[in-house]
């Protein structure tokens, strides 16, 4: 593993830990040349499906691309990097479990749309505004109204029922 600071190839592992799910190994490393420390993550390379884009192009599933979109949506929100990583892992695992060779990009977008409101509603709206490519403010407002209605329904269901 090359050092990200000085590019030396001689690094040593100081500490290794499994992630909570046991799917990723976190390694703390030290460069033998510059003595700086850094962290790497190691995980089993899974066979991921090809993603079929809206224009018909096909490209391999890219977890980093999914992560970038999620991080952008969650930027400056009270969502930790671990939560974003966990969501990306969950979606990637779901895709692998499907066992399909090809998956439409809309399927991945839908998976994000289902899970993101559980993390942060503002991040959800940000993601939806790009994913759904609203034509105008009216479409955007309709989406916000749906979110508010869902929120009101949840709050009503959570209220304790009074004694009659």
Protein backbone atom coordinates (compact mmCIF):
# COMPACT_ATOMS: atom_id res chain seq x y z
CA UNK A 1 0.00 0.00 0.00
CA UNK A 2 1.51 3.34 -1.05
CA UNK A 3 1.65 6.22 1.41
CA UNK A 4 -0.81 8.97 0.38
CA UNK A 5 1.59 11.63 1.70
CA UNK A 6 4.99 10.71 0.21
CA UNK A 7 4.04 7.86 -2.19
CA UNK A 8 6.54 5.47 -0.60
CA UNK A 9 5.64 1.81 -1.02
CA UNK A 10 6.95 0.73 2.38
CA UNK A 11 4.10 0.95 4.90
CA UNK A 12 3.24 -1.27 7.81
CA UNK A 13 -0.05 -2.18 9.45
CA UNK A 14 -0.31 -0.84 13.00
CA UNK A 15 -3.82 -2.06 13.81
CA UNK A 16 -6.64 -4.00 12.09
CA UNK A 17 -10.30 -4.07 13.08
CA UNK A 18 -13.44 -5.59 11.61
CA UNK A 19 -16.39 -3.30 10.92
CA UNK A 20 -19.64 -3.81 12.82
CA UNK A 21 -21.06 -5.95 10.01
CA UNK A 22 -17.81 -7.84 9.53
CA UNK A 23 -17.71 -6.97 5.83
CA UNK A 24 -14.92 -4.40 5.97
CA UNK A 25 -11.51 -4.44 7.66
CA UNK A 26 -10.16 -1.11 8.84
CA UNK A 27 -6.37 -0.95 8.86
CA UNK A 28 -4.30 1.76 10.52
CA UNK A 29 -0.97 2.06 8.70
CA UNK A 30 2.30 3.91 9.18
CA UNK A 31 4.69 4.94 6.43
CA UNK A 32 8.23 3.71 7.09
CA UNK A 33 9.64 6.68 5.15
CA UNK A 34 7.77 9.78 6.41
CA UNK A 35 6.34 8.18 9.60
CA UNK A 36 2.86 9.57 8.93
CA UNK A 37 -0.18 7.43 9.68
CA UNK A 38 -3.27 6.81 7.57
CA UNK A 39 -6.29 4.53 7.46
CA UNK A 40 -7.31 2.11 4.73
CA UNK A 41 -10.43 0.00 4.35
CA UNK A 42 -10.40 -3.44 2.81
CA UNK A 43 -13.47 -5.33 1.65
CA UNK A 44 -14.21 -8.32 -0.52
CA UNK A 45 -14.76 -7.37 -4.13
CA UNK A 46 -18.24 -8.50 -5.05
CA UNK A 47 -19.64 -9.04 -8.48
CA UNK A 48 -21.81 -6.04 -9.10
CA UNK A 49 -24.30 -5.66 -11.95
CA UNK A 50 -24.04 -3.37 -14.93
CA UNK A 51 -26.11 -0.22 -14.55
CA UNK A 52 -28.35 0.58 -17.51
CA UNK A 53 -28.56 4.37 -17.84
CA UNK A 54 -31.63 6.26 -19.09
CA UNK A 55 -29.99 6.73 -22.51
CA UNK A 56 -29.31 2.97 -22.83
CA UNK A 57 -25.59 3.10 -22.00
CA UNK A 58 -24.25 0.46 -19.65
CA UNK A 59 -21.54 0.90 -17.05
CA UNK A 60 -20.36 -1.09 -14.08
CA UNK A 61 -21.89 -0.26 -10.72
CA UNK A 62 -19.63 2.27 -9.03
CA UNK A 63 -19.99 2.43 -5.25
CA UNK A 64 -17.88 5.60 -5.17
CA UNK A 65 -20.33 7.31 -7.53
CA UNK A 66 -23.23 6.32 -5.27
CA UNK A 67 -21.30 7.57 -2.23
CA UNK A 68 -20.53 10.89 -3.95
CA UNK A 69 -24.24 11.45 -4.66
CA UNK A 70 -25.21 10.57 -1.10
CA UNK A 71 -22.49 12.78 0.38
CA UNK A 72 -23.58 15.69 -1.80
CA UNK A 73 -27.20 15.28 -0.67
CA UNK A 74 -26.13 15.05 2.99
CA UNK A 75 -23.63 17.91 2.83
CA UNK A 76 -23.91 20.27 5.82
CA UNK A 77 -26.58 18.07 7.36
CA UNK A 78 -26.44 16.18 10.69
CA UNK A 79 -25.68 12.88 8.95
CA UNK A 80 -22.40 11.14 9.76
CA UNK A 81 -20.05 9.69 7.17
CA UNK A 82 -20.65 6.30 8.80
CA UNK A 83 -24.40 6.59 8.16
CA UNK A 84 -23.76 7.49 4.51
CA UNK A 85 -21.29 4.59 4.15
CA UNK A 86 -23.79 2.23 5.77
CA UNK A 87 -26.53 3.31 3.36
CA UNK A 88 -24.23 2.79 0.37
CA UNK A 89 -23.26 -0.66 1.69
CA UNK A 90 -26.93 -1.57 2.20
CA UNK A 91 -27.84 -0.56 -1.36
CA UNK A 92 -24.80 -2.34 -2.83
CA UNK A 93 -25.65 -5.51 -0.88
CA UNK A 94 -29.28 -5.33 -2.07
CA UNK A 95 -28.10 -5.08 -5.69
CA UNK A 96 -25.85 -8.11 -5.24
CA UNK A 97 -28.66 -10.10 -3.62
CA UNK A 98 -30.87 -9.38 -6.64
CA UNK A 99 -28.45 -11.47 -8.68
CA UNK A 100 -29.19 -9.56 -11.87
CA UNK A 101 -26.50 -8.96 -14.49
CA UNK A 102 -28.05 -5.60 -15.38
CA UNK A 103 -30.03 -3.16 -13.26
CA UNK A 104 -31.69 0.06 -14.47
CA UNK A 105 -30.25 3.21 -12.89
CA UNK A 106 -33.80 4.07 -11.83
CA UNK A 107 -33.81 1.01 -9.54
CA UNK A 108 -30.77 2.34 -7.69
CA UNK A 109 -32.31 5.81 -7.52
CA UNK A 110 -35.51 4.33 -6.10
CA UNK A 111 -33.54 2.43 -3.43
CA UNK A 112 -31.92 5.71 -2.36
CA UNK A 113 -35.29 7.53 -2.43
CA UNK A 114 -36.81 4.88 -0.11
CA UNK A 115 -34.01 4.97 2.44
CA UNK A 116 -32.74 8.57 2.48
CA UNK A 117 -35.77 10.14 4.22
CA UNK A 118 -35.03 7.86 7.19
CA UNK A 119 -31.61 9.55 7.53
CA UNK A 120 -32.52 13.14 6.75
CA UNK A 121 -35.52 14.69 5.00
CA UNK A 122 -33.58 17.69 3.66
CA UNK A 123 -30.99 15.34 2.13
CA UNK A 124 -33.90 13.43 0.60
CA UNK A 125 -35.30 16.61 -1.00
CA UNK A 126 -31.86 17.51 -2.34
CA UNK A 127 -31.42 14.06 -3.84
CA UNK A 128 -34.96 14.04 -5.22
CA UNK A 129 -34.47 17.39 -6.91
CA UNK A 130 -31.60 15.95 -8.95
CA UNK A 131 -32.95 12.41 -9.35
CA UNK A 132 -36.45 13.41 -10.42
CA UNK A 133 -35.22 16.42 -12.48
CA UNK A 134 -38.21 18.58 -11.67
CA UNK A 135 -39.33 20.66 -14.63
CA UNK A 136 -40.56 23.56 -12.51
CA UNK A 137 -41.18 24.77 -8.97
CA UNK A 138 -44.72 23.32 -8.96
CA UNK A 139 -43.39 19.76 -9.29
CA UNK A 140 -40.88 20.47 -6.56
CA UNK A 141 -43.63 21.83 -4.29
CA UNK A 142 -45.76 18.73 -4.93
CA UNK A 143 -42.88 16.58 -3.68
CA UNK A 144 -42.52 18.74 -0.57
CA UNK A 145 -46.28 18.47 0.09
CA UNK A 146 -46.02 14.67 -0.10
CA UNK A 147 -43.20 14.72 2.46
CA UNK A 148 -45.16 16.99 4.79
CA UNK A 149 -48.26 14.79 4.46
CA UNK A 150 -46.24 11.66 5.27
CA UNK A 151 -44.69 13.45 8.26
CA UNK A 152 -48.12 14.56 9.53
CA UNK A 153 -49.47 11.01 9.16
CA UNK A 154 -46.52 9.61 11.16
CA UNK A 155 -47.00 12.19 13.94
CA UNK A 156 -50.72 11.44 14.13
CA UNK A 157 -50.02 7.73 14.42
CA UNK A 158 -47.46 8.32 17.19
CA UNK A 159 -49.82 10.39 19.40
CA UNK A 160 -51.08 8.45 22.39
CA UNK A 161 -54.81 7.91 22.34
CA UNK A 162 -56.65 9.63 25.17
CA UNK A 163 -58.99 7.88 27.55
CA UNK A 164 -62.62 8.27 26.49
